[in-house]
Protein backbone atom coordinates (compact mmCIF):
# COMPACT_ATOMS: atom_id res chain seq x y z
CA MET A 1 72.64 30.09 15.53
CA ARG A 2 69.14 30.47 16.93
CA LYS A 3 68.59 29.05 20.34
CA ARG A 4 65.61 26.62 20.44
CA THR A 5 62.92 27.42 22.88
CA PRO A 6 62.15 24.34 24.93
CA VAL A 7 58.56 23.09 24.64
CA SER A 8 57.03 22.53 28.01
CA TRP A 9 55.52 19.18 28.85
CA LEU A 10 52.42 21.04 29.99
CA ALA A 11 51.92 22.49 26.50
CA LEU A 12 52.34 19.06 24.91
CA ALA A 13 49.84 17.59 27.31
CA SER A 14 47.36 20.34 26.51
CA LEU A 15 47.79 19.76 22.77
CA ALA A 16 47.25 16.03 23.20
CA ALA A 17 44.08 16.66 25.15
CA VAL A 18 42.73 18.90 22.38
CA LEU A 19 43.52 16.26 19.74
CA ILE A 20 41.83 13.55 21.77
CA ASP A 21 38.73 15.69 22.22
CA ALA A 22 38.64 16.43 18.49
CA ALA A 23 38.94 12.77 17.46
CA PRO A 24 35.65 11.03 16.67
CA ALA A 25 34.28 8.76 19.36
CA ALA A 26 34.50 5.06 18.70
CA ALA A 27 31.38 3.66 17.06
CA ALA A 28 29.13 1.35 19.02
CA VAL A 29 28.61 -2.13 17.63
CA LEU A 30 25.04 -2.99 16.63
CA LYS A 31 24.69 -6.57 17.84
CA ALA A 32 21.94 -8.70 16.31
CA THR A 33 20.97 -12.28 17.18
CA LEU A 34 19.10 -14.66 14.87
CA ILE A 35 17.01 -17.33 16.64
CA THR A 36 16.26 -20.43 14.56
CA PRO A 37 14.62 -23.84 15.17
CA ALA A 38 17.10 -26.42 16.44
CA ASP A 39 15.65 -29.15 14.20
CA ASP A 40 13.99 -27.45 11.24
CA ALA A 41 11.73 -29.88 9.38
CA ARG A 42 11.54 -27.42 6.47
CA LEU A 43 15.23 -27.98 5.81
CA GLU A 44 15.08 -31.78 5.94
CA ARG A 45 17.15 -32.99 3.01
CA SER A 46 14.40 -34.66 1.00
CA ARG A 47 12.22 -31.54 1.17
CA VAL A 48 15.06 -29.23 0.16
CA GLU A 49 15.89 -31.53 -2.75
CA ARG A 50 12.29 -31.26 -4.00
CA ALA A 51 12.68 -27.47 -4.06
CA TYR A 52 9.06 -26.63 -3.25
CA LEU A 53 8.38 -23.18 -4.67
CA GLY A 54 7.71 -20.69 -1.88
CA HIS A 55 9.46 -22.83 0.76
CA PRO A 56 12.90 -22.22 2.32
CA GLY A 57 15.87 -23.57 0.41
CA GLY A 58 18.52 -23.31 3.09
CA PRO A 59 19.54 -21.55 6.32
CA LEU A 60 18.47 -17.90 6.44
CA ALA A 61 21.71 -16.85 8.12
CA GLU A 62 23.33 -17.00 4.68
CA GLY A 63 21.21 -14.17 3.26
CA LEU A 64 21.65 -12.14 6.41
CA GLU A 65 25.43 -12.46 6.34
CA LEU A 66 25.58 -11.60 2.64
CA ALA A 67 23.77 -8.30 3.16
CA VAL A 68 26.08 -7.26 5.98
CA ASP A 69 29.15 -8.26 3.97
CA GLU A 70 27.91 -6.25 0.96
CA ALA A 71 27.60 -3.14 3.13
CA ARG A 72 31.05 -3.36 4.72
CA PHE A 73 32.45 -0.33 2.85
CA GLU A 74 29.44 1.83 3.74
CA LEU A 75 29.70 0.69 7.34
CA GLU A 76 33.41 1.52 7.47
CA ALA A 77 32.84 4.94 5.90
CA ALA A 78 30.21 5.73 8.52
CA GLY A 79 32.32 4.35 11.36
CA ALA A 80 29.63 1.77 12.05
CA GLU A 81 29.70 -1.96 12.73
CA VAL A 82 27.18 -4.81 12.75
CA ALA A 83 27.90 -8.05 14.62
CA LEU A 84 25.75 -11.13 13.94
CA ALA A 85 25.12 -14.15 16.12
CA SER A 86 22.85 -17.17 15.63
CA VAL A 87 21.20 -19.29 18.33
CA PRO A 88 19.18 -22.50 17.80
CA ALA A 89 16.08 -23.13 19.95
CA ALA A 90 14.41 -26.51 20.44
CA SER A 91 11.14 -25.19 21.93
CA VAL A 92 9.14 -22.06 22.53
CA ASP A 93 10.61 -21.82 26.03
CA ALA A 94 14.11 -22.17 24.64
CA ALA A 95 13.40 -19.42 22.10
CA ARG A 96 12.17 -17.14 24.90
CA ALA A 97 15.26 -17.89 26.99
CA ALA A 98 17.54 -17.25 24.00
CA ALA A 99 15.91 -13.86 23.46
CA VAL A 100 16.37 -12.85 27.10
CA ALA A 101 20.00 -14.00 27.06
CA ALA A 102 20.71 -12.09 23.86
CA GLU A 103 19.27 -8.90 25.31
CA LYS A 104 21.40 -9.30 28.46
CA ASN A 105 24.48 -9.81 26.28
CA GLY A 106 23.95 -6.50 24.51
CA ALA A 107 21.91 -7.40 21.43
CA ALA A 108 20.11 -4.38 19.96
CA VAL A 109 17.92 -6.29 17.49
CA LEU A 110 16.60 -9.85 17.40
CA LEU A 111 15.73 -11.77 14.25
CA THR A 112 13.48 -14.81 14.14
CA ASP A 113 13.09 -17.73 11.75
CA LEU A 114 10.43 -19.31 13.95
CA PRO A 115 6.76 -20.37 14.03
CA ALA A 116 4.21 -17.71 14.99
CA GLU A 117 3.84 -18.72 18.65
CA TRP A 118 7.60 -18.80 19.14
CA THR A 119 7.98 -15.41 17.49
CA LEU A 120 5.37 -13.92 19.83
CA ALA A 121 7.15 -15.44 22.84
CA VAL A 122 10.41 -13.81 21.72
CA ALA A 123 8.77 -10.43 21.12
CA ASP A 124 7.07 -10.49 24.53
CA ALA A 125 10.25 -11.47 26.37
CA VAL A 126 12.35 -8.44 25.35
CA LYS A 127 12.14 -4.71 24.75
CA LEU A 128 14.06 -4.85 21.47
CA PRO A 129 12.94 -4.66 17.84
CA VAL A 130 12.24 -8.15 16.49
CA LEU A 131 12.51 -8.84 12.74
CA ASN A 132 10.36 -11.75 11.57
CA LEU A 133 12.05 -13.36 8.57
CA SER A 134 9.84 -16.31 7.73
CA ASP A 135 6.36 -16.53 9.26
CA ALA A 136 3.67 -15.21 6.91
CA SER A 137 0.75 -15.57 9.34
CA ASP A 138 -1.66 -12.65 9.12
CA ARG A 139 -2.34 -12.90 12.84
CA LEU A 140 1.17 -11.58 13.54
CA ARG A 141 0.24 -8.43 11.59
CA GLN A 142 -3.30 -8.18 12.94
CA GLN A 143 -4.82 -9.29 16.24
CA ASP A 144 -1.53 -10.71 17.60
CA CYS A 145 0.74 -7.89 16.43
CA ARG A 146 3.38 -6.28 18.63
CA ALA A 147 4.62 -2.69 18.48
CA ARG A 148 8.29 -3.72 18.09
CA LEU A 149 7.64 -6.63 15.71
CA PHE A 150 8.55 -6.09 12.03
CA HIS A 151 7.99 -8.45 9.12
CA LEU A 152 10.34 -8.89 6.16
CA ILE A 153 8.49 -11.84 4.60
CA PRO A 154 5.20 -10.93 2.87
CA SER A 155 2.01 -11.83 4.71
CA GLU A 156 -0.44 -14.44 3.44
CA ARG A 157 -2.84 -11.61 2.63
CA MET A 158 -0.20 -9.91 0.49
CA ARG A 159 0.37 -13.10 -1.47
CA SER A 160 -3.34 -13.75 -2.01
CA ASP A 161 -4.01 -10.11 -2.95
CA ALA A 162 -1.20 -10.29 -5.52
CA LEU A 163 -2.76 -13.42 -7.04
CA ALA A 164 -6.23 -11.87 -7.05
CA GLN A 165 -4.97 -8.74 -8.80
CA THR A 166 -3.24 -10.89 -11.42
CA LEU A 167 -6.40 -12.91 -12.04
CA VAL A 168 -8.44 -9.72 -12.44
CA SER A 169 -5.91 -8.28 -14.89
CA ARG A 170 -6.24 -11.42 -17.05
CA LYS A 171 -10.03 -11.61 -16.69
CA TRP A 172 -9.88 -15.04 -15.07
CA SER A 173 -12.82 -14.26 -12.84
CA LYS A 174 -14.41 -17.65 -12.02
CA LEU A 175 -12.40 -19.66 -9.52
CA LEU A 176 -12.52 -23.17 -8.11
CA LEU A 177 -10.85 -23.39 -4.69
CA LEU A 178 -9.16 -26.61 -3.51
CA VAL A 179 -8.15 -26.69 0.16
CA GLY A 180 -5.94 -29.04 2.18
CA GLY A 181 -6.96 -30.49 5.52
CA SER A 182 -4.53 -28.81 7.94
CA PRO A 183 -5.52 -25.93 10.26
CA GLN A 184 -2.97 -23.77 8.45
CA ASP A 185 -4.67 -24.54 5.14
CA ALA A 186 -8.07 -23.59 6.58
CA SER A 187 -6.72 -20.24 7.77
CA ARG A 188 -5.00 -19.54 4.47
CA ALA A 189 -8.13 -20.51 2.53
CA ALA A 190 -10.09 -17.90 4.48
CA THR A 191 -7.44 -15.35 3.53
CA ALA A 192 -7.69 -16.37 -0.12
CA GLN A 193 -11.46 -15.95 -0.02
CA ALA A 194 -11.05 -12.46 1.48
CA SER A 195 -8.82 -11.49 -1.44
CA ILE A 196 -11.23 -13.03 -3.93
CA LYS A 197 -14.03 -10.93 -2.45
CA ARG A 198 -11.87 -7.80 -2.23
CA TYR A 199 -11.15 -7.83 -5.97
CA GLY A 200 -14.60 -8.88 -7.16
CA LEU A 201 -13.76 -12.39 -8.32
CA GLN A 202 -16.35 -15.19 -8.30
CA LEU A 203 -15.88 -18.37 -6.27
CA VAL A 204 -17.79 -21.10 -8.11
CA GLY A 205 -16.93 -23.84 -5.62
CA SER A 206 -14.66 -24.96 -2.79
CA LYS A 207 -13.56 -28.58 -2.30
CA PRO A 208 -11.28 -30.28 0.22
CA PHE A 209 -8.47 -32.58 -0.84
CA LYS A 210 -6.49 -35.08 1.18
CA LEU A 211 -3.30 -37.00 0.46
CA SER A 212 -3.66 -40.41 2.06
CA ALA A 213 -2.23 -43.90 1.80
CA ASP A 214 -5.69 -45.31 2.57
CA PRO A 215 -7.20 -46.76 -0.64
CA ARG A 216 -10.67 -45.74 0.59
CA GLU A 217 -9.57 -42.07 0.49
CA ARG A 218 -7.86 -42.20 -2.89
CA ASP A 219 -10.56 -40.11 -4.56
CA LEU A 220 -9.90 -37.19 -2.20
CA ALA A 221 -6.62 -36.52 -4.03
CA ASN A 222 -7.79 -37.26 -7.56
CA PRO A 223 -7.44 -34.04 -9.65
CA LEU A 224 -9.97 -35.20 -12.23
CA LEU A 225 -12.66 -35.84 -9.65
CA LEU A 226 -11.87 -32.68 -7.69
CA THR A 227 -12.04 -30.41 -10.74
CA ALA A 228 -15.08 -31.98 -12.41
CA GLY A 229 -18.61 -30.59 -12.36
CA SER A 230 -17.81 -26.87 -12.42
CA SER A 231 -17.05 -24.18 -14.97
CA TYR A 232 -14.05 -22.08 -13.95
CA ASP A 233 -11.33 -19.86 -15.38
CA ALA A 234 -8.65 -20.97 -12.90
CA VAL A 235 -8.10 -23.39 -10.01
CA TRP A 236 -6.77 -21.86 -6.78
CA VAL A 237 -5.09 -24.48 -4.59
CA VAL A 238 -4.23 -23.97 -0.90
CA ASP A 239 -1.64 -26.54 0.14
CA SER A 240 0.85 -25.47 2.83
CA ASP A 241 2.69 -28.77 2.56
CA GLY A 242 3.10 -28.40 -1.20
CA GLU A 243 3.08 -32.04 -2.27
CA PHE A 244 -0.43 -32.09 -3.79
CA ALA A 245 -0.24 -28.59 -5.29
CA ARG A 246 2.91 -29.27 -7.29
CA THR A 247 1.20 -32.18 -9.10
CA LEU A 248 -2.03 -30.33 -9.96
CA PRO A 249 -1.13 -28.27 -13.08
CA TYR A 250 -2.07 -29.98 -16.38
CA ARG A 251 -4.23 -32.53 -14.54
CA THR A 252 -7.49 -30.59 -14.22
CA VAL A 253 -10.63 -31.60 -16.14
CA LEU A 254 -10.79 -28.26 -17.93
CA PRO A 255 -7.61 -26.87 -19.53
CA ARG A 256 -7.25 -24.03 -17.06
CA PRO A 257 -4.35 -22.43 -15.13
CA VAL A 258 -3.58 -23.39 -11.53
CA VAL A 259 -2.63 -20.68 -9.02
CA GLY A 260 -1.98 -20.47 -5.28
CA ASP A 261 0.52 -23.05 -4.03
CA GLY A 262 0.97 -24.69 -7.42
CA GLY A 263 1.20 -23.40 -10.98
CA LEU A 264 1.44 -19.64 -10.56
CA LEU A 265 2.63 -18.43 -7.13
CA ALA A 266 2.98 -14.98 -5.58
CA LEU A 267 6.45 -14.68 -4.02
CA ALA A 268 8.72 -12.10 -2.47
CA TRP A 269 11.55 -13.18 -4.76
CA HIS A 270 12.60 -15.51 -7.53
CA ALA A 271 16.15 -16.14 -8.68
CA GLN A 272 15.16 -15.56 -12.33
CA PHE A 273 13.83 -12.02 -11.77
CA GLU A 274 15.63 -9.96 -14.41
CA ARG A 275 15.01 -6.29 -13.55
CA TYR A 276 16.24 -3.55 -11.18
CA GLY A 277 19.60 -5.14 -10.42
CA ALA A 278 17.97 -8.39 -9.27
CA PRO A 279 20.23 -10.62 -11.42
CA GLN A 280 23.29 -9.23 -9.67
CA VAL A 281 21.75 -9.92 -6.25
CA ALA A 282 20.84 -13.48 -7.28
CA ARG A 283 24.34 -14.11 -8.67
CA ARG A 284 26.07 -12.83 -5.54
CA PHE A 285 23.90 -15.06 -3.38
CA ALA A 286 24.42 -18.12 -5.59
CA LYS A 287 28.18 -17.53 -5.61
CA ALA A 288 28.28 -17.30 -1.81
CA THR A 289 25.94 -20.21 -1.02
CA LYS A 290 26.01 -22.50 -4.08
CA ARG A 291 22.21 -22.48 -4.35
CA PRO A 292 19.44 -20.28 -5.80
CA MET A 293 18.08 -17.39 -3.76
CA THR A 294 14.54 -18.09 -2.51
CA ALA A 295 11.89 -15.71 -1.17
CA HIS A 296 12.94 -16.55 2.39
CA ASP A 297 16.57 -15.84 1.56
CA TRP A 298 15.54 -12.47 0.13
CA ALA A 299 13.69 -11.66 3.36
CA ALA A 300 16.82 -12.50 5.36
CA TRP A 301 18.92 -10.39 2.97
CA MET A 302 16.51 -7.49 3.51
CA ALA A 303 16.81 -7.96 7.26
CA GLY A 304 20.58 -7.60 6.89
CA LYS A 305 20.05 -4.40 4.89
CA THR A 306 17.73 -3.15 7.65
CA LEU A 307 20.45 -3.72 10.25
CA THR A 308 23.15 -2.02 8.22
CA ALA A 309 20.86 0.95 7.42
CA ALA A 310 20.17 1.39 11.13
CA ALA A 311 23.86 1.15 12.02
CA ILE A 312 24.81 3.73 9.38
CA ALA A 313 21.99 6.08 10.44
CA ALA A 314 23.08 5.94 14.09
CA PRO A 315 26.71 4.69 14.22
CA LYS A 316 27.10 5.59 17.90
CA GLY A 317 23.83 4.03 19.00
CA PRO A 318 22.34 3.71 21.55
CA ASN A 319 19.74 0.92 21.24
CA ALA A 320 16.89 3.43 21.21
CA ALA A 321 18.41 5.21 18.21
CA TRP A 322 18.83 1.92 16.36
CA ALA A 323 15.24 0.90 17.13
CA GLN A 324 13.98 4.18 15.74
CA ALA A 325 16.17 3.81 12.65
CA VAL A 326 14.78 0.32 12.00
CA ALA A 327 11.19 1.59 12.03
CA LYS A 328 12.03 4.47 9.68
CA SER A 329 14.22 2.51 7.26
CA SER A 330 13.83 3.15 3.53
CA LEU A 331 15.38 0.20 1.75
CA ASP A 332 16.37 -0.90 -1.74
CA GLY A 333 15.25 -4.47 -2.34
CA SER A 334 16.11 -4.55 -6.07
CA LYS A 335 12.40 -4.52 -6.93
CA GLY A 336 12.26 -1.12 -8.58
CA THR A 337 10.91 1.00 -5.71
CA GLY A 338 11.85 2.05 -2.20
CA LEU A 339 10.59 -0.27 0.55
CA SER A 340 9.51 0.74 4.04
CA PHE A 341 7.69 -0.66 7.06
CA ARG A 342 3.99 0.07 7.49
CA ALA A 343 3.22 2.02 10.62
CA TRP A 344 0.04 0.07 11.41
CA ASP A 345 1.32 -3.51 11.33
CA GLY A 346 5.12 -3.52 10.92
CA GLN A 347 4.94 -5.19 7.51
CA LEU A 348 7.56 -4.32 4.89
CA ARG A 349 5.56 -2.98 1.96
CA GLN A 350 6.93 -4.41 -1.28
CA PRO A 351 6.00 -5.50 -4.81
CA MET A 352 5.26 -9.19 -5.30
CA LEU A 353 6.57 -11.44 -8.06
CA LEU A 354 4.29 -13.93 -9.84
CA SER A 355 6.24 -17.03 -10.83
CA ASP A 356 5.65 -20.47 -12.31
CA GLY A 357 9.00 -21.67 -11.03
CA GLN A 358 10.79 -21.09 -14.35
CA GLY A 359 10.74 -17.30 -14.31
CA VAL A 360 8.77 -14.23 -13.29
CA ILE A 361 5.51 -13.96 -15.23
CA ALA A 362 4.18 -10.70 -13.75
CA GLN A 363 4.44 -8.31 -10.84
CA ALA A 364 1.90 -6.97 -8.36
CA PRO A 365 0.48 -4.43 -7.78
CA ALA A 366 -0.94 -5.05 -11.23
CA ASP A 367 -1.19 -2.26 -13.78
CA GLY A 368 -4.29 -0.17 -13.22
CA VAL A 369 -4.59 -0.87 -9.50
CA LEU A 370 -4.83 2.46 -7.65
CA HIS A 371 -4.42 3.69 -4.08
CA PRO A 372 -4.79 7.20 -2.61
CA ARG A 373 -1.33 7.16 -0.98
CA ASN A 374 0.87 4.18 -1.84
CA VAL A 375 -0.12 1.54 -4.38
CA LEU A 376 1.95 -1.04 -2.47
CA ASP A 377 -0.69 -0.83 0.26
CA THR A 378 -3.15 -2.60 -2.06
CA LEU A 379 -1.24 -5.75 -1.07
CA GLY A 380 -2.17 -6.85 2.44
CA ALA A 381 -4.23 -5.14 5.11
CA ASP A 382 -4.46 -1.40 4.50
CA ALA A 383 -4.55 1.17 7.31
CA PRO A 384 -8.38 1.36 7.52
CA GLU A 385 -8.54 -2.45 7.83
CA LYS A 386 -6.00 -2.72 10.64
CA LEU A 387 -6.80 -4.95 13.60
CA CYS A 388 -3.47 -4.32 15.32
CA PRO A 389 -4.10 -2.71 18.73
CA SER A 390 -0.43 -1.73 19.20
CA ALA A 391 0.26 1.87 18.20
CA ARG A 392 3.52 2.75 16.47
C-alpha cells in the first residue's frame, strides 16, 4: 500500500492565494439618484385623467426601473450592478441639496425630472453626469448648457423641426400661428418660427389666444374668430398648458389640419407605434405600470438603458469610467436606428414620431431630408448652430 505524502499547510495556503488572485474582482455598484418635484402639478389627478398628449402620464421612476429590470441578465453576465434611488425636492435649494447629498453617498449619475432652473442648480452643484429626463427647453442645450448635462427628452427645437419637415413633405406651406400668453409659450413660439424659417415655410399670420373666465375676453379663445381672415394650409398652435390646443381641431374657419400642441404633435414616443420592436416595449411598460407609455416615460426608459450600458461597459467603475461610458453610449430605443448623444449639446439624437393621439402618422426626419453626416441632426440645433460654450 502506497504511503500518502502529507500536503503541507504552506502549499495549501499558496494554492489558495493563487486562486484568490485569479478570481475576478467584485463589481462596483453604479448608484444613480433620480430627483423629482415633491408636489408635481403635472401629475395632479385631473390633468393625468385628461391625458394631454405630450404631457407626463405618471412618475418617471417607473420607466427607469423597467429598463434596469429588463437588463438584469446582461448586468449579471457582465458582473455589473445598477442601484436606483429617488429623492423628492420641494424647491430649487432642496434639489441642489439632494444632489450634493447623493454625490456624498456615492452616486455616480444623477437624473432629473425638474424645471430648467432646478436642473441647472443640480448640474452646477456636483461633478457627476446629470441626465435630464423631462425638460425640453432649448436653453439647456444652448446658452445655458453644461458639459456633464445630457438630455433624453427631445428639445423644443427638435419637435418643431419634425413638424416643419412633415409640413414640407405634405406641401402644407402656408401657416397660421396661434400662441398662448405664458412666457413659455412665447419662447416656444420663437422656436416654432425658427423651424418655419429653416424649412422655407410661409407664416401668413400670428395671433394670441387667451383662455379666460372674463366675458369681455371670450373672443380671445374663439377658434372661429382666431382663424378667420387668412388663407392657410395648416394652423400651428403653441399651448404649453394644452387645454386650448386640444379643442382646436375641427373648429377652424377653413377645413385645415391643426399641428403643434393639438391635432398633429411631434413626440419622442407613442404607445401605438408599431415598428422596430416598439409594441413589445409598450406592452412591457403597460403590464408593469397599468398605463400607456408616454414620451416622458420613454425618455426615462432610455435613461435606464443609458445607466445599464455604462455599467456593462465599465463593471468595475470608477465614476470617471462610468461618466465616459455615458457620453459614448450607443443605444437602442426601438426606433429603428442607433441613438447617441451629440457632442455639442448633450442631446440624445433620435427620430421623432408624428401622432394625432390615435396612432403614429409619420416619422421625422422626413423622407428626402439630407445631412452630410447624420440625418438625425436635421432635428434640433446642428453643430454649426451651437451656442453651447461648454466643450465636450
